[in-house]
N, C-alpha and C. Protein backbone atom coordinates (compact mmCIF):
# COMPACT_ATOMS: atom_id res chain seq x y z
N MET A 1 0.82 -1.17 0.00
CA MET A 1 0.00 0.00 0.00
C MET A 1 0.88 1.25 0.00
N VAL A 2 1.95 1.24 0.78
CA VAL A 2 2.85 2.40 0.85
C VAL A 2 3.48 2.64 -0.52
N ASP A 3 3.97 1.60 -1.15
CA ASP A 3 4.59 1.76 -2.47
C ASP A 3 3.59 2.26 -3.50
N ALA A 4 2.38 1.73 -3.47
CA ALA A 4 1.35 2.17 -4.42
C ALA A 4 1.02 3.64 -4.23
N CYS A 5 0.86 4.07 -2.98
CA CYS A 5 0.57 5.48 -2.72
C CYS A 5 1.69 6.37 -3.21
N LEU A 6 2.92 6.04 -2.85
CA LEU A 6 4.05 6.88 -3.22
C LEU A 6 4.27 6.92 -4.73
N SER A 7 3.98 5.83 -5.42
CA SER A 7 4.17 5.82 -6.88
C SER A 7 3.16 6.73 -7.58
N TYR A 8 2.04 7.03 -6.93
CA TYR A 8 1.05 7.94 -7.50
C TYR A 8 1.08 9.33 -6.85
N GLY A 9 2.09 9.58 -6.03
CA GLY A 9 2.23 10.88 -5.40
C GLY A 9 1.29 11.11 -4.23
N LEU A 10 0.78 10.04 -3.66
CA LEU A 10 -0.14 10.14 -2.52
C LEU A 10 0.60 9.84 -1.22
N LYS A 11 0.14 10.42 -0.13
CA LYS A 11 0.74 10.16 1.17
C LYS A 11 0.06 8.95 1.82
N PRO A 12 0.83 7.93 2.16
CA PRO A 12 0.23 6.74 2.78
C PRO A 12 -0.11 6.97 4.26
N PHE A 13 -1.35 6.73 4.62
CA PHE A 13 -1.81 6.85 6.00
C PHE A 13 -2.35 5.51 6.45
N TYR A 14 -2.10 5.20 7.71
CA TYR A 14 -2.59 3.96 8.31
C TYR A 14 -4.07 4.12 8.63
N GLY A 15 -4.82 3.05 8.43
CA GLY A 15 -6.25 3.04 8.72
C GLY A 15 -6.53 3.14 10.21
N PRO A 16 -7.76 3.33 10.58
CA PRO A 16 -8.10 3.54 12.00
C PRO A 16 -7.92 2.29 12.85
N PHE A 17 -7.59 2.51 14.10
CA PHE A 17 -7.48 1.44 15.10
C PHE A 17 -8.77 1.49 15.93
N GLY A 18 -9.50 0.39 15.99
CA GLY A 18 -10.85 0.39 16.54
C GLY A 18 -11.01 0.28 18.04
N ASP A 19 -10.03 -0.28 18.76
CA ASP A 19 -10.20 -0.49 20.20
C ASP A 19 -9.74 0.75 20.96
N PHE A 20 -10.69 1.61 21.32
CA PHE A 20 -10.35 2.88 21.97
C PHE A 20 -9.72 2.68 23.35
N SER A 21 -10.06 1.59 24.01
CA SER A 21 -9.60 1.39 25.39
C SER A 21 -8.17 0.87 25.49
N ASP A 22 -7.63 0.33 24.41
CA ASP A 22 -6.29 -0.26 24.44
C ASP A 22 -5.27 0.69 23.79
N THR A 23 -4.78 1.64 24.57
CA THR A 23 -3.85 2.63 24.03
C THR A 23 -2.48 2.03 23.69
N ALA A 24 -2.07 1.00 24.43
CA ALA A 24 -0.78 0.36 24.15
C ALA A 24 -0.82 -0.34 22.80
N ALA A 25 -1.89 -1.02 22.51
CA ALA A 25 -2.02 -1.70 21.21
C ALA A 25 -2.12 -0.69 20.08
N CYS A 26 -2.82 0.41 20.34
CA CYS A 26 -2.93 1.47 19.33
C CYS A 26 -1.55 2.03 19.01
N GLU A 27 -0.77 2.31 20.04
CA GLU A 27 0.58 2.83 19.81
C GLU A 27 1.44 1.81 19.06
N SER A 28 1.30 0.54 19.39
CA SER A 28 2.05 -0.50 18.71
C SER A 28 1.69 -0.55 17.22
N GLN A 29 0.40 -0.48 16.92
CA GLN A 29 -0.05 -0.50 15.53
C GLN A 29 0.45 0.73 14.77
N PHE A 30 0.35 1.90 15.40
CA PHE A 30 0.83 3.12 14.76
C PHE A 30 2.33 3.06 14.53
N ARG A 31 3.07 2.52 15.49
CA ARG A 31 4.53 2.42 15.34
C ARG A 31 4.89 1.46 14.20
N ASN A 32 4.17 0.34 14.09
CA ASN A 32 4.41 -0.59 12.99
C ASN A 32 4.12 0.07 11.65
N ALA A 33 3.04 0.85 11.59
CA ALA A 33 2.70 1.56 10.35
C ALA A 33 3.79 2.56 9.99
N PHE A 34 4.32 3.26 11.00
CA PHE A 34 5.42 4.20 10.77
C PHE A 34 6.64 3.47 10.22
N LEU A 35 6.97 2.33 10.79
CA LEU A 35 8.14 1.57 10.33
C LEU A 35 7.96 1.04 8.92
N MET A 36 6.71 0.80 8.52
CA MET A 36 6.44 0.32 7.16
C MET A 36 6.40 1.45 6.14
N GLY A 37 6.44 2.71 6.62
CA GLY A 37 6.51 3.83 5.70
C GLY A 37 5.31 4.74 5.67
N CYS A 38 4.31 4.50 6.51
CA CYS A 38 3.16 5.39 6.56
C CYS A 38 3.57 6.73 7.16
N LEU A 39 2.94 7.79 6.70
CA LEU A 39 3.29 9.13 7.15
C LEU A 39 2.35 9.66 8.22
N GLY A 40 1.33 8.91 8.56
CA GLY A 40 0.36 9.32 9.57
C GLY A 40 -0.68 8.24 9.76
N ALA A 41 -1.67 8.53 10.60
CA ALA A 41 -2.71 7.55 10.87
C ALA A 41 -4.05 8.26 11.10
N TRP A 42 -5.11 7.60 10.74
CA TRP A 42 -6.45 8.12 11.04
C TRP A 42 -6.73 7.90 12.51
N SER A 43 -7.47 8.80 13.09
CA SER A 43 -7.86 8.65 14.49
C SER A 43 -9.38 8.59 14.58
N LEU A 44 -9.87 7.65 15.38
CA LEU A 44 -11.30 7.53 15.60
C LEU A 44 -11.73 8.11 16.93
N HIS A 45 -10.78 8.29 17.83
CA HIS A 45 -11.09 8.73 19.19
C HIS A 45 -10.05 9.77 19.61
N PRO A 46 -10.43 10.75 20.41
CA PRO A 46 -9.47 11.79 20.83
C PRO A 46 -8.22 11.25 21.52
N THR A 47 -8.32 10.12 22.19
CA THR A 47 -7.13 9.57 22.86
C THR A 47 -6.07 9.12 21.86
N GLN A 48 -6.47 8.86 20.63
CA GLN A 48 -5.52 8.39 19.62
C GLN A 48 -4.72 9.52 18.98
N ILE A 49 -5.17 10.75 19.13
CA ILE A 49 -4.49 11.87 18.49
C ILE A 49 -3.10 12.08 19.09
N ASP A 50 -3.00 12.09 20.41
CA ASP A 50 -1.68 12.25 21.05
C ASP A 50 -0.75 11.10 20.72
N ILE A 51 -1.30 9.91 20.62
CA ILE A 51 -0.47 8.74 20.26
C ILE A 51 0.09 8.92 18.85
N ALA A 52 -0.77 9.33 17.92
CA ALA A 52 -0.33 9.52 16.53
C ALA A 52 0.72 10.63 16.45
N LYS A 53 0.52 11.72 17.16
CA LYS A 53 1.51 12.81 17.16
C LYS A 53 2.85 12.32 17.69
N ARG A 54 2.82 11.54 18.76
CA ARG A 54 4.06 11.05 19.37
C ARG A 54 4.80 10.11 18.42
N VAL A 55 4.06 9.24 17.74
CA VAL A 55 4.69 8.24 16.89
C VAL A 55 5.18 8.83 15.56
N PHE A 56 4.39 9.70 14.95
CA PHE A 56 4.70 10.16 13.60
C PHE A 56 5.45 11.50 13.55
N SER A 57 5.64 12.17 14.67
CA SER A 57 6.36 13.44 14.67
C SER A 57 7.83 13.22 14.99
N PRO A 58 8.71 14.02 14.37
CA PRO A 58 10.14 13.89 14.68
C PRO A 58 10.46 14.44 16.06
N GLU A 59 11.53 13.98 16.63
CA GLU A 59 12.00 14.47 17.93
C GLU A 59 12.51 15.90 17.76
N PRO A 60 12.41 16.73 18.80
CA PRO A 60 12.88 18.12 18.70
C PRO A 60 14.36 18.24 18.30
N ASP A 61 15.21 17.33 18.76
CA ASP A 61 16.62 17.41 18.38
C ASP A 61 16.83 17.08 16.91
N GLU A 62 15.97 16.23 16.32
CA GLU A 62 16.05 15.94 14.90
C GLU A 62 15.66 17.18 14.08
N VAL A 63 14.64 17.90 14.54
CA VAL A 63 14.22 19.13 13.86
C VAL A 63 15.33 20.16 13.94
N ALA A 64 15.93 20.33 15.10
CA ALA A 64 17.02 21.29 15.26
C ALA A 64 18.20 20.93 14.36
N PHE A 65 18.53 19.64 14.26
CA PHE A 65 19.61 19.20 13.39
C PHE A 65 19.29 19.49 11.93
N ALA A 66 18.05 19.27 11.52
CA ALA A 66 17.66 19.50 10.13
C ALA A 66 17.70 20.98 9.76
N LYS A 67 17.53 21.83 10.74
CA LYS A 67 17.53 23.27 10.48
C LYS A 67 18.94 23.86 10.39
N LYS A 68 19.96 23.09 10.67
CA LYS A 68 21.34 23.59 10.59
C LYS A 68 21.93 23.24 9.24
N ASP A 69 22.74 24.13 8.72
CA ASP A 69 23.43 23.84 7.47
C ASP A 69 24.75 23.14 7.80
N PRO A 70 25.45 22.61 6.80
CA PRO A 70 26.68 21.86 7.06
C PRO A 70 27.76 22.66 7.78
N ARG A 71 27.72 23.99 7.70
CA ARG A 71 28.72 24.81 8.37
C ARG A 71 28.37 25.06 9.82
N GLY A 72 27.21 24.55 10.26
CA GLY A 72 26.81 24.71 11.65
C GLY A 72 25.99 25.96 11.93
N ASN A 73 25.65 26.70 10.90
CA ASN A 73 24.84 27.90 11.08
C ASN A 73 23.36 27.56 10.99
N ALA A 74 22.56 28.27 11.72
CA ALA A 74 21.11 28.07 11.64
C ALA A 74 20.63 28.60 10.29
N ARG A 75 19.73 27.87 9.66
CA ARG A 75 19.18 28.29 8.38
C ARG A 75 18.04 29.26 8.58
N ARG A 76 17.91 30.16 7.65
CA ARG A 76 16.74 31.04 7.63
C ARG A 76 15.76 30.44 6.64
N ASP A 77 14.51 30.39 7.02
CA ASP A 77 13.51 29.77 6.16
C ASP A 77 13.33 30.53 4.85
N ARG A 78 13.03 31.82 4.94
CA ARG A 78 12.84 32.62 3.74
C ARG A 78 13.18 34.07 4.04
N CYS A 79 13.46 34.77 2.99
CA CYS A 79 13.66 36.20 3.15
C CYS A 79 12.32 36.84 3.48
N ARG A 80 12.34 37.78 4.37
CA ARG A 80 11.09 38.41 4.78
C ARG A 80 10.50 39.27 3.67
N HIS A 81 11.30 39.57 2.64
CA HIS A 81 10.80 40.38 1.53
C HIS A 81 10.06 39.53 0.50
N ASP A 82 10.24 38.22 0.52
CA ASP A 82 9.56 37.27 -0.36
C ASP A 82 9.74 37.64 -1.84
N ARG A 83 10.99 37.88 -2.24
CA ARG A 83 11.30 38.19 -3.62
C ARG A 83 11.83 36.95 -4.31
N ARG A 84 11.70 36.93 -5.62
CA ARG A 84 12.20 35.78 -6.37
C ARG A 84 13.73 35.81 -6.47
N GLU A 85 14.29 36.99 -6.65
CA GLU A 85 15.74 37.06 -6.74
C GLU A 85 16.34 36.97 -5.33
N LYS A 86 17.62 36.74 -5.27
CA LYS A 86 18.27 36.66 -3.97
C LYS A 86 18.19 38.01 -3.27
N CYS A 87 17.83 37.95 -2.04
CA CYS A 87 17.71 39.17 -1.26
C CYS A 87 19.06 39.47 -0.61
N ARG A 88 19.47 40.73 -0.66
CA ARG A 88 20.75 41.11 -0.09
C ARG A 88 20.77 40.97 1.43
N THR A 89 19.61 41.05 2.08
CA THR A 89 19.59 41.00 3.54
C THR A 89 19.87 39.62 4.07
N THR A 90 19.68 38.58 3.25
CA THR A 90 19.91 37.22 3.75
C THR A 90 21.28 36.68 3.36
N GLN A 91 22.08 37.48 2.66
CA GLN A 91 23.41 37.05 2.29
C GLN A 91 24.32 37.05 3.51
N PRO A 92 25.32 36.17 3.58
CA PRO A 92 26.22 36.15 4.72
C PRO A 92 26.88 37.50 4.94
N GLY A 93 26.93 37.91 6.19
CA GLY A 93 27.56 39.17 6.54
C GLY A 93 26.62 40.35 6.56
N ASN A 94 25.43 40.20 6.01
CA ASN A 94 24.45 41.29 6.03
C ASN A 94 23.42 41.03 7.11
N LYS A 95 23.04 42.09 7.80
CA LYS A 95 22.04 41.95 8.85
C LYS A 95 20.68 42.36 8.32
N GLN A 96 19.65 41.65 8.77
CA GLN A 96 18.31 42.05 8.38
C GLN A 96 17.90 43.29 9.14
N LYS A 97 17.16 44.15 8.49
CA LYS A 97 16.73 45.39 9.13
C LYS A 97 15.38 45.22 9.77
């Protein structure tokens, strides 16, 4: 299912887990779906939302690592001017005003 979704440009999501009272089994199923390549899961009950967030979200240190460039500097997401050409304020050595 994961390969079929990805080959058509779709995001693979795990189907719902029906036993609302068994949070350990729900987490186990979500974790298995994550390991198989699913990018998220459907939730049928509010208790499953936190489980899905915990399983499918990256750790804060992974996010911080991804935001650093190879030179160890923090990356800026976009120039605040939102221009197509390179903005002079985001070039190294220039400060944003």
